[in-house]
Amino acid sequence: MKAIMRVLAASSLLASAAAAIAGQVVQVAAMQPVATDPVRTESGLLAGTQRDGGVRAYLGIPYAAPPVGDLRWAPPRAVAWSGVRNADRTGPECMQVLRPHDINHYFGEEAVSEDCLSMNIWAPAQASAAKLPVVVFLYGGGFTIGSSGMPNYGGAEIARRGAVFVNFNYRVGAFGFLAHPELSREQGGHSGNYALMDQIAALRWVKANIAAFGGDPDKVAIIGQSAGALSVASLIFSPEAKGLFRSAVMTSWCNYRDTLPTLAEGEAIGVAVQERLKAGSLAAMRALPADRILAIQSESQLGANVAGVRIGGPIVDGVVLPAQKAALLAAGRINRVPIIASSNTDDIDIAMSPFGKVTTLDAYRATARAAFGAEADAFLQRFPAASDAEAKAAARRVAHLGGFALASQQCAVDQAQVGQATYIDDFARKHPYTPGVRFADQDPATVGAYHTGDIPYWLGTLDVYNSLRRTRDWTPYDRSLATTMMDHLIAFARDGRPGAGWPAWSARDQRELVFGDGVAVRPLDTAGLAWLAAHPVARTPLVPRGSPRD
């Protein structure tokens, strides 16, 4: 076995050298063999690599067969290999537009491929006899971008704190969600939701194999951000995901009350895609190069501005999601797990609200009249302002309170209906930016506690943001806050509760935990939330011009 380890390490060094010769940016550390490898899984044997602090990393593990050829737009299939598979680097991201190098979330170029269904596992140096809690992260990105290979989604710090961490790639955009009449006939009456099927396949792989890495398959918490949070909500409502996790975290945002497209609506989009591609059949669509399909997909993230066909997001297909969430909830057909409903103070709900653009007192009053008509005076009494500064602050508060904050409370109400606990938090910490740092997609002076800004604290990946250039001047408090949030997350996986000091929501005791410049429990603004729930404001879909949503 030592001979095998030496060969694997040598092959890793040769691959890195070849990439450097080819002029690529190389961020892959040389393989450091793990003495206890290989790990035996149901798919085959794996050899990982040692990281700082003794963390064992197993990267780029296939959890399903490559979704190529006839498996493009097909449910994921089981995968197996012979011999020992070298797992020391992340796999390529699924088909998507690439990232500009001057945005906040650029951490180096990634390869992109349809052959992308891989996962990464980080485990403590020595697995104890007691099985460890498991945290599984699902990336966001508006369902059209995102990658488990992004270092800010890495799991080494979670592993150092005594849990096993998993993330994985799932198909996005047209490759992850395309429904089509021919596909439905081929697949027993349903199609689309391949991304959700990938997520379920990955969780099944974890359930079957995580014990080999020291994890407890019965203590799995899933956490998703943005589109990842909407994925988590879909998994909570999917009978296909039953028993695959014991707790769930949705950050930005928890949404149990959205109405999803139907299978017929999804199939109509699929036919429109076929027409745009000028393909005569499903076989012809599967024969096209992937970049042709990506080119006709609507995309407005990462600086792209493609006015194509909008493809991306779950649909009610009758199997993965058998009905609308409201109907499933009313029937009690929900995977009953405790949840954390989380949002950020300066989240994208502000940009989606007409109040998000308010900067003056006159604009605040005018927006109130346009939004609430005869109820505008009652609104202004509930949310008063007497100056431009007060109006701007009140408007942002209203936008968030009536957006993701209200959604978190509504999830808590819905969870209580099925006898499950909800823990609510609001992330309010602004990153300490390095003076003078600039990004193409955000202004550090005004961005606040932005969408995704909580993730490096939940996962302990603060230092990644300085890996290519210095962008943050992290303080001891930031590191302490990250430790606190990681410990809550690990406790949630281990116990189904996030630990001491974080009360569960109840109708009689509506409180949330605030992660800001301090950590404190505060009561929800129940009166304000009730008023905004009774007077919903029309929100515009976010179309980010140059801004990532992951």
Protein backbone atom coordinates (compact mmCIF):
# COMPACT_ATOMS: atom_id res chain seq x y z
CA MET A 1 0.00 0.00 0.00
CA LYS A 2 2.88 2.42 0.71
CA ALA A 3 4.08 1.84 -2.84
CA ILE A 4 0.65 2.76 -4.16
CA MET A 5 0.69 5.96 -2.08
CA ARG A 6 4.09 6.94 -3.51
CA VAL A 7 2.85 6.39 -7.06
CA LEU A 8 -0.29 8.47 -6.43
CA ALA A 9 1.71 11.32 -4.90
CA ALA A 10 4.14 11.27 -7.83
CA SER A 11 1.29 11.37 -10.34
CA SER A 12 -0.19 14.38 -8.55
CA LEU A 13 3.11 16.27 -8.76
CA LEU A 14 3.49 15.43 -12.45
CA ALA A 15 -0.05 16.65 -13.20
CA SER A 16 0.58 19.92 -11.38
CA ALA A 17 3.86 20.41 -13.24
CA ALA A 18 2.19 19.72 -16.58
CA ALA A 19 -0.52 22.27 -15.83
CA ALA A 20 2.10 24.87 -14.93
CA ILE A 21 3.99 24.22 -18.16
CA ALA A 22 0.74 24.72 -20.07
CA GLY A 23 0.45 28.17 -18.50
CA GLN A 24 -2.55 27.42 -16.30
CA VAL A 25 -3.13 28.93 -12.87
CA VAL A 26 -2.42 26.08 -10.49
CA GLN A 27 -3.89 26.11 -6.98
CA VAL A 28 -3.61 22.38 -6.34
CA ALA A 29 -1.31 21.35 -3.50
CA ALA A 30 0.81 18.28 -4.03
CA MET A 31 -0.78 15.12 -2.71
CA GLN A 32 0.18 14.19 0.84
CA PRO A 33 -0.81 10.53 1.33
CA VAL A 34 -3.08 9.59 4.23
CA ALA A 35 -1.56 6.73 6.19
CA THR A 36 -4.88 4.97 6.77
CA ASP A 37 -5.98 5.03 3.11
CA PRO A 38 -7.50 3.67 1.00
CA VAL A 39 -11.07 4.27 2.17
CA ARG A 40 -13.51 1.62 0.99
CA THR A 41 -16.83 2.93 -0.38
CA GLU A 42 -19.64 1.21 -2.25
CA SER A 43 -18.30 2.83 -5.44
CA GLY A 44 -14.68 1.79 -4.94
CA LEU A 45 -11.45 2.53 -3.06
CA LEU A 46 -10.30 6.13 -2.47
CA ALA A 47 -6.96 7.69 -1.60
CA GLY A 48 -7.16 11.23 -0.24
CA THR A 49 -4.65 13.86 0.75
CA GLN A 50 -3.54 15.31 4.09
CA ARG A 51 -4.15 19.00 4.74
CA ASP A 52 -2.77 21.36 7.39
CA GLY A 53 -3.77 20.32 10.89
CA GLY A 54 -4.08 16.71 9.85
CA VAL A 55 -7.41 17.16 8.06
CA ARG A 56 -8.07 14.39 5.55
CA ALA A 57 -9.45 15.65 2.24
CA TYR A 58 -11.05 13.45 -0.42
CA LEU A 59 -11.73 15.62 -3.43
CA GLY A 60 -13.39 15.10 -6.78
CA ILE A 61 -15.15 11.84 -5.81
CA PRO A 62 -17.67 10.76 -8.48
CA TYR A 63 -21.02 10.12 -6.81
CA ALA A 64 -22.84 9.37 -10.08
CA ALA A 65 -21.98 8.42 -13.65
CA PRO A 66 -21.05 11.28 -16.01
CA PRO A 67 -24.31 12.82 -17.34
CA VAL A 68 -23.14 12.86 -20.95
CA GLY A 69 -24.35 11.33 -24.20
CA ASP A 70 -27.70 9.65 -23.62
CA LEU A 71 -27.44 10.59 -19.93
CA ARG A 72 -27.66 14.32 -20.74
CA TRP A 73 -31.05 15.19 -19.23
CA ALA A 74 -31.42 11.88 -17.43
CA PRO A 75 -31.60 10.97 -13.74
CA PRO A 76 -28.16 10.30 -12.23
CA ARG A 77 -26.91 6.72 -12.47
CA ALA A 78 -24.74 4.79 -10.04
CA VAL A 79 -20.98 4.84 -10.58
CA ALA A 80 -18.19 2.40 -9.67
CA TRP A 81 -14.49 2.02 -10.37
CA SER A 82 -11.80 -0.59 -9.89
CA GLY A 83 -8.46 -0.06 -8.19
CA VAL A 84 -7.65 2.90 -5.95
CA ARG A 85 -8.98 6.26 -7.14
CA ASN A 86 -6.80 9.29 -6.45
CA ALA A 87 -9.00 11.95 -4.79
CA ASP A 88 -6.71 14.91 -4.21
CA ARG A 89 -8.28 17.67 -6.33
CA THR A 90 -11.77 18.99 -6.96
CA GLY A 91 -13.58 18.06 -10.15
CA PRO A 92 -14.70 20.50 -12.86
CA GLU A 93 -17.74 22.66 -12.27
CA CYS A 94 -20.91 21.92 -14.22
CA MET A 95 -21.63 23.80 -17.45
CA GLN A 96 -21.97 27.56 -16.79
CA VAL A 97 -20.54 30.94 -17.70
CA LEU A 98 -17.08 31.63 -16.28
CA ARG A 99 -16.19 34.24 -13.70
CA PRO A 100 -14.52 37.57 -14.40
CA HIS A 101 -11.31 37.98 -12.44
CA ASP A 102 -12.22 41.34 -10.88
CA ILE A 103 -15.31 40.31 -8.90
CA ASN A 104 -15.62 39.64 -5.19
CA HIS A 105 -16.07 35.89 -5.55
CA TYR A 106 -13.19 35.07 -7.85
CA PHE A 107 -10.77 32.58 -6.31
CA GLY A 108 -9.07 31.25 -9.44
CA GLU A 109 -10.18 29.71 -12.71
CA GLU A 110 -12.02 26.40 -12.65
CA ALA A 111 -12.36 23.79 -15.35
CA VAL A 112 -15.91 23.32 -16.64
CA SER A 113 -17.47 20.16 -18.01
CA GLU A 114 -20.68 18.17 -18.33
CA ASP A 115 -18.79 15.39 -16.56
CA CYS A 116 -19.11 17.18 -13.23
CA LEU A 117 -21.02 15.06 -10.70
CA SER A 118 -18.37 14.91 -8.01
CA MET A 119 -18.21 15.58 -4.28
CA ASN A 120 -15.57 16.63 -1.77
CA ILE A 121 -15.20 15.35 1.78
CA TRP A 122 -13.11 16.81 4.60
CA ALA A 123 -12.73 14.72 7.75
CA PRO A 124 -10.81 15.19 11.02
CA ALA A 125 -7.34 13.70 11.25
CA GLN A 126 -8.43 10.81 13.40
CA ALA A 127 -12.03 9.66 13.39
CA SER A 128 -13.07 8.79 16.93
CA ALA A 129 -15.00 5.68 17.85
CA ALA A 130 -18.11 7.84 18.23
CA LYS A 131 -19.46 8.70 14.80
CA LEU A 132 -19.10 12.38 13.94
CA PRO A 133 -21.79 14.84 12.83
CA VAL A 134 -21.89 15.59 9.11
CA VAL A 135 -22.47 18.97 7.44
CA VAL A 136 -23.43 18.95 3.74
CA PHE A 137 -23.32 22.26 1.85
CA LEU A 138 -25.32 23.11 -1.31
CA TYR A 139 -24.09 26.11 -3.27
CA GLY A 140 -26.23 28.92 -4.64
CA GLY A 141 -25.99 30.88 -7.86
CA GLY A 142 -29.50 31.47 -9.17
CA PHE A 143 -29.62 27.84 -10.35
CA THR A 144 -27.37 28.72 -13.31
CA ILE A 145 -23.92 29.07 -11.72
CA GLY A 146 -22.08 27.63 -8.72
CA SER A 147 -19.35 25.14 -7.89
CA SER A 148 -18.31 22.99 -4.95
CA GLY A 149 -14.71 23.66 -6.00
CA MET A 150 -14.87 27.30 -4.88
CA PRO A 151 -12.49 27.55 -1.90
CA ASN A 152 -14.92 29.72 0.08
CA TYR A 153 -17.15 26.62 0.21
CA GLY A 154 -14.36 24.39 1.54
CA GLY A 155 -14.67 22.27 4.65
CA ALA A 156 -11.26 22.09 6.31
CA GLU A 157 -12.21 24.36 9.21
CA ILE A 158 -15.42 22.48 9.93
CA ALA A 159 -13.35 19.27 9.99
CA ARG A 160 -10.84 20.83 12.37
CA ARG A 161 -13.74 21.52 14.73
CA GLY A 162 -14.72 17.87 14.81
CA ALA A 163 -17.28 17.25 12.07
CA VAL A 164 -17.20 15.73 8.60
CA PHE A 165 -17.93 18.26 5.84
CA VAL A 166 -19.27 17.44 2.39
CA ASN A 167 -20.05 19.54 -0.66
CA PHE A 168 -20.78 18.50 -4.22
CA ASN A 169 -21.58 19.67 -7.73
CA TYR A 170 -25.05 19.46 -9.20
CA ARG A 171 -26.17 20.33 -12.71
CA VAL A 172 -27.37 23.90 -13.26
CA GLY A 173 -29.25 25.86 -15.89
CA ALA A 174 -30.44 24.03 -18.99
CA PHE A 175 -28.46 20.94 -18.04
CA GLY A 176 -30.03 20.73 -14.58
CA PHE A 177 -33.65 21.68 -15.14
CA LEU A 178 -34.76 21.17 -18.73
CA ALA A 179 -38.16 19.48 -19.04
CA HIS A 180 -39.43 18.33 -22.42
CA PRO A 181 -42.32 16.16 -23.68
CA GLU A 182 -39.91 13.63 -25.20
CA LEU A 183 -37.96 13.45 -21.95
CA SER A 184 -41.17 12.92 -19.98
CA ARG A 185 -42.18 10.05 -22.27
CA GLU A 186 -38.71 8.54 -21.95
CA GLN A 187 -38.63 8.86 -18.14
CA GLY A 188 -42.01 7.56 -17.07
CA GLY A 189 -44.10 10.71 -17.27
CA HIS A 190 -41.85 13.35 -15.74
CA SER A 191 -38.72 15.35 -16.60
CA GLY A 192 -36.72 18.31 -15.35
CA ASN A 193 -35.41 18.64 -11.77
CA TYR A 194 -32.19 16.80 -12.68
CA ALA A 195 -30.33 19.14 -10.32
CA LEU A 196 -32.56 18.03 -7.44
CA MET A 197 -32.06 14.39 -8.49
CA ASP A 198 -28.30 15.00 -8.38
CA GLN A 199 -28.63 16.43 -4.87
CA ILE A 200 -30.65 13.41 -3.74
CA ALA A 201 -28.15 11.02 -5.36
CA ALA A 202 -25.31 12.78 -3.52
CA LEU A 203 -27.15 12.56 -0.19
CA ARG A 204 -27.82 8.86 -0.80
CA TRP A 205 -24.11 8.37 -1.46
CA VAL A 206 -23.36 10.15 1.81
CA LYS A 207 -25.90 8.01 3.67
CA ALA A 208 -24.30 4.82 2.31
CA ASN A 209 -20.63 5.76 2.63
CA ILE A 210 -19.98 8.56 5.13
CA ALA A 211 -19.32 6.13 8.00
CA ALA A 212 -16.12 5.10 6.19
CA PHE A 213 -14.86 8.67 6.71
CA GLY A 214 -15.87 8.78 10.40
CA GLY A 215 -19.28 10.38 9.90
CA ASP A 216 -22.64 9.35 11.31
CA PRO A 217 -25.19 8.86 8.50
CA ASP A 218 -27.97 9.60 10.98
CA LYS A 219 -26.53 13.00 11.97
CA VAL A 220 -26.49 14.86 8.67
CA ALA A 221 -27.34 18.57 8.46
CA ILE A 222 -27.80 20.12 5.02
CA ILE A 223 -27.12 23.83 4.54
CA GLY A 224 -27.82 25.82 1.40
CA GLN A 225 -27.46 29.48 0.52
CA SER A 226 -29.67 31.39 -1.96
CA ALA A 227 -30.53 28.90 -4.73
CA GLY A 228 -28.95 26.35 -2.40
CA ALA A 229 -31.50 27.34 0.25
CA LEU A 230 -34.32 26.91 -2.25
CA SER A 231 -32.82 23.51 -3.05
CA VAL A 232 -32.90 22.62 0.64
CA ALA A 233 -36.56 23.66 0.79
CA SER A 234 -37.27 21.44 -2.22
CA LEU A 235 -35.55 18.52 -0.49
CA ILE A 236 -37.67 19.09 2.60
CA PHE A 237 -40.77 18.73 0.39
CA SER A 238 -39.45 15.82 -1.70
CA PRO A 239 -40.45 12.27 -0.76
CA GLU A 240 -37.34 11.11 -2.63
CA ALA A 241 -35.16 12.76 0.05
CA LYS A 242 -36.91 11.22 3.05
CA GLY A 243 -34.49 10.02 5.73
CA LEU A 244 -31.38 11.53 4.10
CA PHE A 245 -30.86 14.38 6.62
CA ARG A 246 -31.86 15.13 10.21
CA SER A 247 -31.74 18.96 10.12
CA ALA A 248 -31.66 21.71 7.50
CA VAL A 249 -30.31 25.27 7.23
CA MET A 250 -31.61 27.78 4.69
CA THR A 251 -29.71 31.04 4.42
CA SER A 252 -31.05 33.72 2.09
CA TRP A 253 -33.80 32.53 2.09
CA CYS A 254 -36.32 30.11 3.63
CA ASN A 255 -39.33 29.89 1.29
CA TYR A 256 -42.14 27.40 1.84
CA ARG A 257 -44.81 29.50 0.11
CA ASP A 258 -43.57 30.00 -3.44
CA THR A 259 -45.58 28.62 -6.34
CA LEU A 260 -43.41 26.59 -8.70
CA PRO A 261 -43.86 26.07 -12.45
CA THR A 262 -45.79 22.96 -13.45
CA LEU A 263 -44.46 20.13 -15.58
CA ALA A 264 -46.50 21.41 -18.55
CA GLU A 265 -44.95 24.87 -18.16
CA GLY A 266 -41.48 23.33 -17.93
CA GLU A 267 -42.08 21.22 -21.02
CA ALA A 268 -43.16 24.32 -22.95
CA ILE A 269 -39.85 25.97 -22.09
CA GLY A 270 -38.07 22.80 -23.25
CA VAL A 271 -39.83 22.99 -26.62
CA ALA A 272 -38.78 26.65 -26.90
CA VAL A 273 -35.20 25.59 -26.23
CA GLN A 274 -35.42 22.95 -28.94
CA GLU A 275 -36.70 25.56 -31.39
CA ARG A 276 -33.89 27.98 -30.51
CA LEU A 277 -31.37 25.19 -31.06
CA LYS A 278 -32.99 24.22 -34.39
CA ALA A 279 -32.80 20.58 -33.33
CA GLY A 280 -35.23 18.13 -34.88
CA SER A 281 -35.41 15.70 -31.96
CA LEU A 282 -34.24 14.90 -28.46
CA ALA A 283 -31.43 12.82 -29.96
CA ALA A 284 -30.31 15.85 -31.97
CA MET A 285 -30.35 18.02 -28.82
CA ARG A 286 -28.20 15.48 -27.01
CA ALA A 287 -25.75 15.45 -29.92
CA LEU A 288 -25.12 19.20 -29.73
CA PRO A 289 -21.95 20.49 -28.07
CA ALA A 290 -22.64 21.82 -24.58
CA ASP A 291 -21.53 25.35 -25.37
CA ARG A 292 -24.28 25.67 -28.00
CA ILE A 293 -26.89 24.99 -25.33
CA LEU A 294 -25.25 27.32 -22.82
CA ALA A 295 -25.22 30.09 -25.46
CA ILE A 296 -29.04 30.23 -25.77
CA GLN A 297 -29.66 30.17 -22.01
CA SER A 298 -30.71 33.43 -20.39
CA GLU A 299 -27.95 34.65 -18.07
CA SER A 300 -27.39 37.95 -16.29
CA GLN A 301 -24.87 36.97 -13.64
CA LEU A 302 -21.08 37.32 -13.58
CA GLY A 303 -21.20 40.16 -16.09
CA ALA A 304 -23.05 38.09 -18.70
CA ASN A 305 -26.05 39.60 -20.45
CA VAL A 306 -27.63 36.88 -22.59
CA ALA A 307 -31.29 37.45 -23.49
CA GLY A 308 -32.01 33.79 -24.09
CA VAL A 309 -34.45 31.26 -22.71
CA ARG A 310 -34.74 31.31 -18.92
CA ILE A 311 -34.04 27.78 -17.68
CA GLY A 312 -33.27 27.01 -14.08
CA GLY A 313 -35.16 26.15 -10.94
CA PRO A 314 -37.36 23.39 -9.56
CA ILE A 315 -40.71 22.48 -11.10
CA VAL A 316 -43.63 20.38 -9.85
CA ASP A 317 -42.79 17.26 -11.86
CA GLY A 318 -45.05 14.84 -9.99
CA VAL A 319 -42.22 12.71 -8.57
CA VAL A 320 -39.34 14.67 -7.06
CA LEU A 321 -41.84 17.40 -6.21
CA PRO A 322 -45.23 15.70 -6.39
CA ALA A 323 -47.35 18.84 -5.79
CA GLN A 324 -47.10 22.50 -4.85
CA LYS A 325 -45.59 23.15 -1.42
CA ALA A 326 -48.82 24.57 -0.01
CA ALA A 327 -50.71 21.37 -0.85
CA LEU A 328 -47.95 19.14 0.49
CA LEU A 329 -47.75 21.14 3.72
CA ALA A 330 -51.52 21.07 4.21
CA ALA A 331 -51.43 17.29 3.81
CA GLY A 332 -48.46 16.95 6.17
CA ARG A 333 -46.38 15.46 3.34
CA ILE A 334 -43.10 17.06 4.35
CA ASN A 335 -39.80 15.68 5.62
CA ARG A 336 -40.11 16.65 9.27
CA VAL A 337 -36.80 18.08 10.42
CA PRO A 338 -35.82 21.11 12.50
CA ILE A 339 -34.56 24.06 10.48
CA ILE A 340 -32.50 27.23 10.76
CA ALA A 341 -34.00 30.10 8.75
CA SER A 342 -31.29 32.69 8.14
CA SER A 343 -30.96 35.94 6.23
CA ASN A 344 -28.59 38.90 6.02
CA THR A 345 -29.40 42.47 6.98
CA ASP A 346 -28.39 43.83 3.57
CA ASP A 347 -29.61 40.88 1.51
CA ILE A 348 -30.95 40.87 -2.06
CA ASP A 349 -34.52 41.27 -0.80
CA ILE A 350 -33.69 44.97 -0.50
CA ALA A 351 -32.88 45.19 -4.22
CA MET A 352 -36.15 43.43 -5.06
CA SER A 353 -38.28 45.88 -3.05
CA PRO A 354 -39.38 49.33 -4.29
CA PHE A 355 -38.18 50.61 -0.92
CA GLY A 356 -34.65 49.46 -1.67
CA LYS A 357 -34.03 52.46 -3.91
CA VAL A 358 -35.27 55.09 -1.44
CA THR A 359 -32.69 57.65 -0.31
CA THR A 360 -34.81 60.70 0.64
CA LEU A 361 -37.79 61.45 2.85
CA ASP A 362 -39.86 62.59 -0.13
CA ALA A 363 -39.10 59.35 -1.99
CA TYR A 364 -39.99 57.34 1.12
CA ARG A 365 -43.40 58.96 1.39
CA ALA A 366 -44.03 58.68 -2.35
CA THR A 367 -43.09 55.01 -2.35
CA ALA A 368 -45.40 54.41 0.62
CA ARG A 369 -48.30 56.06 -1.24
CA ALA A 370 -47.61 54.03 -4.39
CA ALA A 371 -47.32 50.77 -2.44
CA PHE A 372 -50.13 51.16 0.08
CA GLY A 373 -52.53 53.79 -1.24
CA ALA A 374 -55.05 54.71 1.44
CA GLU A 375 -53.01 52.75 4.01
CA ALA A 376 -49.90 54.90 3.46
CA ASP A 377 -50.51 57.03 6.57
CA ALA A 378 -50.87 53.92 8.72
CA PHE A 379 -47.62 52.61 7.25
CA LEU A 380 -45.79 55.86 7.99
CA GLN A 381 -47.04 55.75 11.57
CA ARG A 382 -45.78 52.17 11.93
CA PHE A 383 -42.42 52.94 10.24
CA PRO A 384 -41.83 56.67 10.83
CA ALA A 385 -39.05 58.85 9.43
CA ALA A 386 -38.40 62.59 9.76
CA SER A 387 -35.24 63.13 7.69
CA ASP A 388 -33.54 61.79 4.59
CA ALA A 389 -31.18 59.67 6.69
CA GLU A 390 -34.03 58.24 8.77
CA ALA A 391 -36.06 57.58 5.63
CA LYS A 392 -33.22 55.68 3.95
CA ALA A 393 -32.68 53.53 7.05
CA ALA A 394 -36.40 52.90 7.53
CA ALA A 395 -36.85 51.98 3.86
CA ARG A 396 -34.05 49.42 3.99
CA ARG A 397 -35.50 47.97 7.17
CA VAL A 398 -38.96 47.72 5.58
CA ALA A 399 -37.49 46.06 2.47
CA HIS A 400 -35.74 43.40 4.57
CA LEU A 401 -38.52 43.02 7.14
CA GLY A 402 -41.10 42.44 4.43
CA GLY A 403 -38.71 40.20 2.49
CA PHE A 404 -36.45 37.50 3.88
CA ALA A 405 -37.17 38.32 7.55
CA LEU A 406 -40.89 37.78 6.98
CA ALA A 407 -40.15 34.61 4.99
CA SER A 408 -38.16 33.24 7.94
CA GLN A 409 -41.06 33.88 10.29
CA GLN A 410 -43.50 32.28 7.85
CA CYS A 411 -41.29 29.18 7.64
CA ALA A 412 -41.39 29.01 11.44
CA VAL A 413 -45.20 29.16 11.38
CA ASP A 414 -45.32 26.43 8.74
CA GLN A 415 -42.82 24.26 10.61
CA ALA A 416 -44.90 24.52 13.77
CA GLN A 417 -47.85 23.21 11.79
CA VAL A 418 -46.01 19.89 11.38
CA GLY A 419 -44.52 19.89 14.87
CA GLN A 420 -40.98 20.90 13.96
CA ALA A 421 -38.70 23.55 15.47
CA THR A 422 -37.31 26.63 13.72
CA TYR A 423 -34.33 28.72 14.78
CA ILE A 424 -34.16 32.18 13.18
CA ASP A 425 -31.07 34.33 12.75
CA ASP A 426 -30.14 37.62 11.12
CA PHE A 427 -26.53 38.07 9.96
CA ALA A 428 -25.55 41.73 10.35
CA ARG A 429 -21.74 41.74 10.31
CA LYS A 430 -20.14 43.80 7.55
CA HIS A 431 -16.84 42.38 6.34
CA PRO A 432 -13.82 44.49 7.36
CA TYR A 433 -12.63 45.38 3.86
CA THR A 434 -9.03 46.34 3.18
CA PRO A 435 -8.93 50.10 2.48
CA GLY A 436 -8.90 50.86 -1.23
CA VAL A 437 -9.95 47.39 -2.42
CA ARG A 438 -12.23 47.45 -5.48
CA PHE A 439 -14.54 44.93 -7.11
CA ALA A 440 -16.53 45.09 -10.32
CA ASP A 441 -19.67 43.75 -8.66
CA GLN A 442 -19.90 45.50 -5.29
CA ASP A 443 -18.89 48.70 -3.51
CA PRO A 444 -17.22 47.87 -0.17
CA ALA A 445 -18.22 51.29 1.16
CA THR A 446 -21.95 50.63 0.85
CA VAL A 447 -22.44 46.88 0.53
CA GLY A 448 -23.17 46.08 4.19
CA ALA A 449 -23.91 42.51 5.32
CA TYR A 450 -24.39 41.35 1.75
CA HIS A 451 -25.98 38.30 0.14
CA THR A 452 -23.53 35.41 0.76
CA GLY A 453 -21.54 37.48 3.25
CA ASP A 454 -22.40 35.03 6.03
CA ILE A 455 -20.97 31.93 4.32
CA PRO A 456 -17.27 32.41 5.24
CA TYR A 457 -18.40 32.60 8.87
CA TRP A 458 -20.63 29.51 8.73
CA LEU A 459 -17.81 27.54 7.05
CA GLY A 460 -14.75 29.23 8.56
CA THR A 461 -13.28 30.19 5.18
CA LEU A 462 -12.33 33.79 6.00
CA ASP A 463 -8.73 33.50 4.81
CA VAL A 464 -9.77 32.39 1.33
CA TYR A 465 -10.79 35.99 0.61
CA ASN A 466 -7.13 37.01 0.80
CA SER A 467 -5.76 34.07 -1.18
CA LEU A 468 -5.20 35.91 -4.48
CA ARG A 469 -5.05 39.50 -3.20
CA ARG A 470 -5.74 41.17 0.10
CA THR A 471 -9.39 42.16 0.29
CA ARG A 472 -10.25 41.84 4.01
CA ASP A 473 -8.54 42.84 7.22
CA TRP A 474 -10.08 40.18 9.43
CA THR A 475 -10.12 40.96 13.14
CA PRO A 476 -9.95 38.60 16.13
CA TYR A 477 -13.68 39.21 16.54
CA ASP A 478 -14.39 37.98 12.99
CA ARG A 479 -12.53 34.78 13.74
CA SER A 480 -14.39 34.39 17.03
CA LEU A 481 -17.72 34.97 15.27
CA ALA A 482 -16.84 32.34 12.66
CA THR A 483 -16.01 29.86 15.43
CA THR A 484 -19.34 30.58 17.14
CA MET A 485 -21.32 30.09 13.92
CA MET A 486 -19.45 26.90 12.98
CA ASP A 487 -20.09 25.47 16.43
CA HIS A 488 -23.83 26.22 16.12
CA LEU A 489 -23.87 24.50 12.73
CA ILE A 490 -22.03 21.42 14.00
CA ALA A 491 -24.32 21.21 17.04
CA PHE A 492 -27.32 21.35 14.72
CA ALA A 493 -25.98 18.35 12.83
CA ARG A 494 -25.10 16.49 16.01
CA ASP A 495 -28.16 17.21 18.14
CA GLY A 496 -30.86 18.72 15.94
CA ARG A 497 -30.49 21.90 18.02
CA PRO A 498 -27.94 24.68 17.42
CA GLY A 499 -26.71 24.76 21.00
CA ALA A 500 -26.97 27.00 24.02
CA GLY A 501 -28.05 30.59 23.70
CA TRP A 502 -30.21 30.19 20.58
CA PRO A 503 -33.90 29.84 21.45
CA ALA A 504 -36.32 28.07 19.17
CA TRP A 505 -39.07 30.23 17.70
CA SER A 506 -42.53 29.84 19.12
CA ALA A 507 -45.74 31.76 18.54
CA ARG A 508 -45.60 32.99 22.14
CA ASP A 509 -41.84 33.67 22.19
CA GLN A 510 -40.75 35.02 18.81
CA ARG A 511 -37.03 35.66 19.02
CA GLU A 512 -34.01 35.47 16.75
CA LEU A 513 -30.24 35.36 17.16
CA VAL A 514 -28.31 38.25 15.63
CA PHE A 515 -24.77 37.68 14.35
CA GLY A 516 -23.48 41.23 14.10
CA ASP A 517 -20.81 43.27 15.81
CA GLY A 518 -21.87 41.20 18.80
CA VAL A 519 -24.00 38.08 19.20
CA ALA A 520 -27.34 38.62 20.93
CA VAL A 521 -30.90 37.32 21.11
CA ARG A 522 -33.59 39.87 20.29
CA PRO A 523 -37.37 39.76 19.88
CA LEU A 524 -38.79 39.79 16.38
CA ASP A 525 -40.66 42.93 15.36
CA THR A 526 -43.92 40.99 15.35
CA ALA A 527 -46.10 44.08 14.90
CA GLY A 528 -44.07 45.26 11.91
CA LEU A 529 -43.98 41.79 10.39
CA ALA A 530 -47.74 41.40 10.84
CA TRP A 531 -48.43 44.75 9.18
CA LEU A 532 -46.24 43.93 6.18
CA ALA A 533 -47.68 40.42 5.91
CA ALA A 534 -51.16 41.95 5.73
CA HIS A 535 -50.00 44.52 3.16
CA PRO A 536 -47.64 42.67 0.81
CA VAL A 537 -45.51 44.81 -1.48
CA ALA A 538 -45.01 43.77 -5.09
CA ARG A 539 -41.39 42.73 -5.54
CA THR A 540 -39.47 42.70 -8.79
CA PRO A 541 -37.35 39.65 -9.69
CA LEU A 542 -33.67 40.34 -9.20
CA VAL A 543 -31.81 40.66 -12.49
CA PRO A 544 -28.21 41.20 -11.33
CA ARG A 545 -26.18 43.18 -13.81
CA GLY A 546 -22.70 41.87 -13.29
CA SER A 547 -23.35 40.56 -9.79
CA PRO A 548 -23.16 36.93 -8.70
CA ARG A 549 -25.95 35.57 -6.54
CA ASP A 550 -23.81 32.86 -4.97
